[in-house]
């Protein structure tokens, strides 16, 4: 099985609780209650749930995200996706059927220095 470098996959029917750091990409197909730090992007697939906090460059949600989310670039909420909590983003795309609830704030886009590439 070939895995992309610095990618974490939480498979269907898997439950994860804790801190996730130093990832380029996090894929959530199951359930994660976590704080993401030093991660570039995450994706929550349909049927997946991420509860907690994340500060990332980009995020795509087809399942559910609940908590505190700061997206320095683009946040995409797919049809059927649900994002709730304290949410800030530079750019947003919400497909018909997607939902965004909570405290919402738009921010200036920020390019990220890729600390992961340096380490």
N, C-alpha and C. Protein backbone atom coordinates (compact mmCIF):
# COMPACT_ATOMS: atom_id res chain seq x y z
N UNK A 1 0.84 -1.17 0.00
CA UNK A 1 0.00 0.00 0.00
C UNK A 1 0.88 1.23 0.00
N UNK A 2 0.71 2.09 -0.96
CA UNK A 2 1.48 3.32 -1.06
C UNK A 2 0.71 4.46 -0.41
N UNK A 3 1.33 5.15 0.52
CA UNK A 3 0.71 6.30 1.17
C UNK A 3 1.51 7.54 0.81
N UNK A 4 0.80 8.64 0.65
CA UNK A 4 1.46 9.91 0.37
C UNK A 4 2.24 10.33 1.61
N UNK A 5 3.40 10.93 1.43
CA UNK A 5 4.17 11.40 2.58
C UNK A 5 3.40 12.43 3.40
N UNK A 6 3.54 12.35 4.71
CA UNK A 6 2.92 13.27 5.66
C UNK A 6 1.41 13.36 5.49
N UNK A 7 0.77 12.23 5.16
CA UNK A 7 -0.69 12.14 5.05
C UNK A 7 -1.20 11.18 6.11
N UNK A 8 -2.23 11.62 6.82
CA UNK A 8 -2.88 10.77 7.81
C UNK A 8 -4.28 10.45 7.33
N UNK A 9 -4.63 9.17 7.32
CA UNK A 9 -5.97 8.74 6.92
C UNK A 9 -6.63 8.07 8.10
N UNK A 10 -7.81 8.57 8.48
CA UNK A 10 -8.63 7.94 9.50
C UNK A 10 -9.75 7.23 8.73
N UNK A 11 -9.66 5.91 8.66
CA UNK A 11 -10.57 5.12 7.85
C UNK A 11 -11.97 5.03 8.42
N UNK A 12 -12.89 4.57 7.59
CA UNK A 12 -14.27 4.37 8.01
C UNK A 12 -14.29 3.42 9.21
N UNK A 13 -15.21 3.69 10.13
CA UNK A 13 -15.41 2.90 11.34
C UNK A 13 -14.24 3.00 12.33
N UNK A 14 -13.29 3.91 12.08
CA UNK A 14 -12.18 4.16 13.00
C UNK A 14 -12.53 5.39 13.83
N UNK A 15 -12.19 5.34 15.13
CA UNK A 15 -12.35 6.49 16.03
C UNK A 15 -10.97 6.90 16.52
N UNK A 16 -10.68 8.18 16.42
CA UNK A 16 -9.38 8.72 16.83
C UNK A 16 -9.61 9.90 17.76
N UNK A 17 -8.82 9.96 18.83
CA UNK A 17 -8.92 11.09 19.75
C UNK A 17 -7.51 11.52 20.10
N UNK A 18 -7.23 12.84 19.99
CA UNK A 18 -5.91 13.34 20.37
C UNK A 18 -5.48 14.53 19.57
N UNK A 19 -4.16 14.66 19.40
CA UNK A 19 -3.57 15.76 18.65
C UNK A 19 -2.95 15.22 17.38
N UNK A 20 -3.11 15.97 16.30
CA UNK A 20 -2.53 15.60 15.01
C UNK A 20 -1.64 16.75 14.58
N UNK A 21 -0.37 16.45 14.28
CA UNK A 21 0.55 17.52 13.90
C UNK A 21 1.51 17.09 12.80
N UNK A 22 2.11 18.10 12.18
CA UNK A 22 3.14 17.88 11.16
C UNK A 22 2.63 17.10 9.95
N UNK A 23 1.39 17.32 9.55
CA UNK A 23 0.82 16.63 8.39
C UNK A 23 0.64 17.61 7.23
N UNK A 24 0.86 17.11 6.04
CA UNK A 24 0.50 17.88 4.86
C UNK A 24 -1.01 17.78 4.64
N UNK A 25 -1.55 16.58 4.82
CA UNK A 25 -2.96 16.34 4.50
C UNK A 25 -3.54 15.34 5.50
N UNK A 26 -4.73 15.64 6.00
CA UNK A 26 -5.45 14.73 6.89
C UNK A 26 -6.76 14.38 6.21
N UNK A 27 -7.03 13.09 6.06
CA UNK A 27 -8.27 12.61 5.45
C UNK A 27 -9.09 11.90 6.52
N UNK A 28 -10.30 12.37 6.76
CA UNK A 28 -11.16 11.79 7.79
C UNK A 28 -12.33 11.10 7.11
N UNK A 29 -12.35 9.77 7.19
CA UNK A 29 -13.48 8.99 6.67
C UNK A 29 -14.31 8.45 7.83
N UNK A 30 -13.69 8.37 9.02
CA UNK A 30 -14.35 7.88 10.22
C UNK A 30 -14.68 9.03 11.15
N UNK A 31 -14.29 8.90 12.44
CA UNK A 31 -14.56 9.92 13.45
C UNK A 31 -13.25 10.32 14.12
N UNK A 32 -13.01 11.63 14.21
CA UNK A 32 -11.83 12.12 14.91
C UNK A 32 -12.23 13.27 15.82
N UNK A 33 -11.78 13.20 17.06
CA UNK A 33 -11.90 14.31 17.99
C UNK A 33 -10.46 14.75 18.23
N UNK A 34 -10.07 15.86 17.59
CA UNK A 34 -8.65 16.18 17.58
C UNK A 34 -8.40 17.68 17.42
N UNK A 35 -7.18 18.06 17.79
CA UNK A 35 -6.65 19.38 17.52
C UNK A 35 -5.59 19.21 16.43
N UNK A 36 -5.77 19.88 15.30
CA UNK A 36 -4.80 19.82 14.22
C UNK A 36 -3.86 21.01 14.33
N UNK A 37 -2.56 20.74 14.33
CA UNK A 37 -1.56 21.81 14.35
C UNK A 37 -0.47 21.48 13.34
N UNK A 38 0.08 22.50 12.73
CA UNK A 38 1.11 22.33 11.70
C UNK A 38 0.65 21.40 10.59
N UNK A 39 -0.62 21.48 10.24
CA UNK A 39 -1.18 20.70 9.12
C UNK A 39 -1.59 21.68 8.02
N UNK A 40 -1.33 21.31 6.79
CA UNK A 40 -1.62 22.18 5.66
C UNK A 40 -3.08 22.12 5.25
N UNK A 41 -3.67 20.93 5.22
CA UNK A 41 -5.03 20.78 4.71
C UNK A 41 -5.70 19.57 5.34
N UNK A 42 -7.03 19.61 5.37
CA UNK A 42 -7.78 18.42 5.77
C UNK A 42 -9.01 18.28 4.90
N UNK A 43 -9.49 17.05 4.86
CA UNK A 43 -10.70 16.72 4.11
C UNK A 43 -11.52 15.76 4.96
N UNK A 44 -12.80 16.07 5.11
CA UNK A 44 -13.73 15.20 5.81
C UNK A 44 -14.68 14.65 4.75
N UNK A 45 -14.64 13.35 4.54
CA UNK A 45 -15.47 12.76 3.50
C UNK A 45 -16.90 12.58 4.00
N UNK A 46 -17.79 12.26 3.07
CA UNK A 46 -19.18 12.00 3.42
C UNK A 46 -19.22 10.85 4.42
N UNK A 47 -19.92 11.04 5.53
CA UNK A 47 -19.96 10.03 6.58
C UNK A 47 -18.88 10.22 7.63
N UNK A 48 -17.89 11.08 7.38
CA UNK A 48 -16.82 11.34 8.34
C UNK A 48 -17.17 12.53 9.23
N UNK A 49 -16.53 12.57 10.41
CA UNK A 49 -16.74 13.68 11.35
C UNK A 49 -15.41 14.07 11.97
N UNK A 50 -15.16 15.38 12.03
CA UNK A 50 -14.02 15.92 12.75
C UNK A 50 -14.55 16.93 13.76
N UNK A 51 -14.28 16.66 15.04
CA UNK A 51 -14.63 17.58 16.12
C UNK A 51 -13.34 18.08 16.73
N UNK A 52 -13.28 19.38 16.99
CA UNK A 52 -12.08 19.90 17.64
C UNK A 52 -11.68 21.24 17.08
N UNK A 53 -10.38 21.38 16.82
CA UNK A 53 -9.87 22.66 16.31
C UNK A 53 -8.85 22.40 15.21
N UNK A 54 -8.79 23.37 14.28
CA UNK A 54 -7.83 23.26 13.18
C UNK A 54 -7.53 24.64 12.64
N UNK A 55 -6.26 24.87 12.33
CA UNK A 55 -5.83 26.06 11.61
C UNK A 55 -5.03 25.55 10.42
N UNK A 56 -5.60 25.71 9.22
CA UNK A 56 -5.04 25.11 8.01
C UNK A 56 -5.08 26.10 6.85
N UNK A 57 -4.39 25.73 5.78
CA UNK A 57 -4.43 26.53 4.55
C UNK A 57 -5.71 26.27 3.78
N UNK A 58 -6.14 25.00 3.73
CA UNK A 58 -7.37 24.68 2.99
C UNK A 58 -8.11 23.53 3.67
N UNK A 59 -9.43 23.52 3.46
CA UNK A 59 -10.26 22.47 4.05
C UNK A 59 -11.42 22.18 3.11
N UNK A 60 -11.78 20.90 3.05
CA UNK A 60 -12.92 20.46 2.24
C UNK A 60 -13.76 19.54 3.12
N UNK A 61 -15.06 19.87 3.23
CA UNK A 61 -15.94 19.12 4.11
C UNK A 61 -17.14 18.59 3.33
N UNK A 62 -17.22 17.27 3.24
CA UNK A 62 -18.39 16.60 2.67
C UNK A 62 -19.20 15.95 3.78
N UNK A 63 -18.56 15.74 4.94
CA UNK A 63 -19.20 15.17 6.13
C UNK A 63 -19.52 16.27 7.12
N UNK A 64 -18.94 16.16 8.33
CA UNK A 64 -19.21 17.15 9.39
C UNK A 64 -17.91 17.65 10.02
N UNK A 65 -17.88 18.96 10.29
CA UNK A 65 -16.83 19.55 11.12
C UNK A 65 -17.55 20.32 12.20
N UNK A 66 -17.11 20.13 13.47
CA UNK A 66 -17.68 20.87 14.60
C UNK A 66 -16.54 21.36 15.47
N UNK A 67 -16.50 22.67 15.72
CA UNK A 67 -15.46 23.21 16.59
C UNK A 67 -14.95 24.55 16.12
N UNK A 68 -13.64 24.76 16.29
CA UNK A 68 -12.99 26.01 15.93
C UNK A 68 -12.14 25.76 14.69
N UNK A 69 -12.42 26.54 13.64
CA UNK A 69 -11.74 26.33 12.36
C UNK A 69 -11.27 27.66 11.80
N UNK A 70 -9.97 27.72 11.48
CA UNK A 70 -9.41 28.88 10.78
C UNK A 70 -8.77 28.37 9.50
N UNK A 71 -9.30 28.85 8.37
CA UNK A 71 -8.79 28.46 7.06
C UNK A 71 -8.17 29.71 6.43
N UNK A 72 -6.85 29.69 6.29
CA UNK A 72 -6.12 30.84 5.76
C UNK A 72 -6.32 31.01 4.25
N UNK A 73 -6.80 29.98 3.60
CA UNK A 73 -7.07 30.01 2.17
C UNK A 73 -8.53 29.71 1.90
N UNK A 74 -8.79 28.57 1.25
CA UNK A 74 -10.14 28.25 0.78
C UNK A 74 -10.80 27.14 1.60
N UNK A 75 -12.03 27.42 2.03
CA UNK A 75 -12.89 26.45 2.69
C UNK A 75 -13.96 26.03 1.70
N UNK A 76 -14.08 24.73 1.45
CA UNK A 76 -15.09 24.20 0.54
C UNK A 76 -16.03 23.31 1.34
N UNK A 77 -17.32 23.62 1.27
CA UNK A 77 -18.33 22.79 1.90
C UNK A 77 -19.16 22.17 0.79
N UNK A 78 -19.04 20.85 0.65
CA UNK A 78 -19.73 20.12 -0.42
C UNK A 78 -21.19 19.90 -0.06
N UNK A 79 -21.99 19.52 -1.06
CA UNK A 79 -23.41 19.21 -0.83
C UNK A 79 -23.51 18.16 0.26
N UNK A 80 -24.32 18.40 1.26
CA UNK A 80 -24.44 17.46 2.38
C UNK A 80 -23.43 17.70 3.48
N UNK A 81 -22.42 18.53 3.25
CA UNK A 81 -21.42 18.85 4.25
C UNK A 81 -21.97 19.84 5.27
N UNK A 82 -21.51 19.72 6.51
CA UNK A 82 -21.96 20.59 7.59
C UNK A 82 -20.74 21.08 8.36
N UNK A 83 -20.62 22.40 8.50
CA UNK A 83 -19.55 23.01 9.29
C UNK A 83 -20.22 23.88 10.34
N UNK A 84 -19.88 23.67 11.61
CA UNK A 84 -20.47 24.48 12.67
C UNK A 84 -19.43 24.81 13.72
N UNK A 85 -19.62 25.97 14.34
CA UNK A 85 -18.72 26.40 15.40
C UNK A 85 -18.22 27.80 15.17
N UNK A 86 -16.98 28.05 15.57
CA UNK A 86 -16.31 29.33 15.39
C UNK A 86 -15.45 29.19 14.14
N UNK A 87 -15.90 29.78 13.03
CA UNK A 87 -15.28 29.53 11.72
C UNK A 87 -14.79 30.83 11.10
N UNK A 88 -13.53 30.85 10.67
CA UNK A 88 -13.01 31.97 9.90
C UNK A 88 -12.32 31.43 8.66
N UNK A 89 -12.39 32.20 7.58
CA UNK A 89 -11.87 31.75 6.29
C UNK A 89 -11.52 32.95 5.43
N UNK A 90 -10.62 32.75 4.47
CA UNK A 90 -10.27 33.79 3.51
C UNK A 90 -11.18 33.70 2.29
N UNK A 91 -11.43 32.47 1.81
CA UNK A 91 -12.32 32.23 0.68
C UNK A 91 -13.25 31.09 1.05
N UNK A 92 -14.46 31.11 0.48
CA UNK A 92 -15.40 30.04 0.79
C UNK A 92 -16.19 29.65 -0.44
N UNK A 93 -16.49 28.36 -0.53
CA UNK A 93 -17.38 27.83 -1.55
C UNK A 93 -18.33 26.87 -0.85
N UNK A 94 -19.61 27.13 -1.00
CA UNK A 94 -20.62 26.26 -0.41
C UNK A 94 -21.53 25.76 -1.53
N UNK A 95 -21.50 24.45 -1.76
CA UNK A 95 -22.37 23.86 -2.78
C UNK A 95 -23.81 23.84 -2.27
N UNK A 96 -24.79 23.84 -3.18
CA UNK A 96 -26.18 23.70 -2.75
C UNK A 96 -26.34 22.45 -1.88
N UNK A 97 -26.97 22.61 -0.72
CA UNK A 97 -27.12 21.50 0.21
C UNK A 97 -26.06 21.48 1.29
N UNK A 98 -25.01 22.29 1.15
CA UNK A 98 -24.00 22.43 2.20
C UNK A 98 -24.50 23.42 3.23
N UNK A 99 -23.93 23.35 4.44
CA UNK A 99 -24.43 24.21 5.52
C UNK A 99 -23.28 24.72 6.38
N UNK A 100 -23.38 26.00 6.78
CA UNK A 100 -22.40 26.65 7.62
C UNK A 100 -23.14 27.36 8.74
N UNK A 101 -22.87 26.99 10.00
CA UNK A 101 -23.55 27.55 11.16
C UNK A 101 -22.55 27.97 12.22
N UNK A 102 -22.90 29.01 13.00
CA UNK A 102 -22.07 29.42 14.12
C UNK A 102 -21.59 30.83 13.96
N UNK A 103 -20.44 31.13 14.59
CA UNK A 103 -19.82 32.44 14.46
C UNK A 103 -18.91 32.40 13.25
N UNK A 104 -19.22 33.24 12.26
CA UNK A 104 -18.52 33.20 10.98
C UNK A 104 -17.78 34.52 10.79
N UNK A 105 -16.52 34.42 10.32
CA UNK A 105 -15.73 35.62 10.07
C UNK A 105 -14.88 35.39 8.83
N UNK A 106 -14.86 36.39 7.95
CA UNK A 106 -13.96 36.30 6.81
C UNK A 106 -12.66 37.01 7.18
N UNK A 107 -11.53 36.48 6.70
CA UNK A 107 -10.21 37.03 7.01
C UNK A 107 -9.45 37.28 5.72
N UNK A 108 -8.38 38.01 5.81
CA UNK A 108 -7.53 38.25 4.64
C UNK A 108 -6.78 36.96 4.31
N UNK A 109 -6.67 36.63 3.03
CA UNK A 109 -5.92 35.42 2.65
C UNK A 109 -4.46 35.52 3.11
N UNK A 110 -3.92 34.39 3.53
CA UNK A 110 -2.52 34.33 3.97
C UNK A 110 -1.84 33.17 3.27
N UNK A 111 -0.70 33.46 2.71
CA UNK A 111 0.11 32.38 2.16
C UNK A 111 0.89 31.80 3.31
N UNK A 112 1.01 30.51 3.31
CA UNK A 112 1.65 29.83 4.43
C UNK A 112 3.08 29.51 4.07
N UNK A 113 3.99 29.83 4.99
CA UNK A 113 5.35 29.36 4.85
C UNK A 113 5.29 27.88 5.20
N UNK A 114 5.72 27.06 4.32
CA UNK A 114 5.61 25.62 4.55
C UNK A 114 6.70 25.16 5.50
N UNK A 115 6.41 25.24 6.80
CA UNK A 115 7.36 24.81 7.83
C UNK A 115 7.67 23.32 7.68
N UNK A 116 6.71 22.57 7.15
CA UNK A 116 6.91 21.13 7.00
C UNK A 116 8.03 20.81 6.01
N UNK A 117 8.14 21.62 4.98
CA UNK A 117 9.18 21.38 3.96
C UNK A 117 10.57 21.69 4.53
N UNK A 118 10.62 22.59 5.49
CA UNK A 118 11.90 22.95 6.07
C UNK A 118 12.41 21.91 7.05
N UNK A 119 11.46 21.18 7.66
CA UNK A 119 11.84 20.20 8.68
C UNK A 119 12.04 18.91 8.07
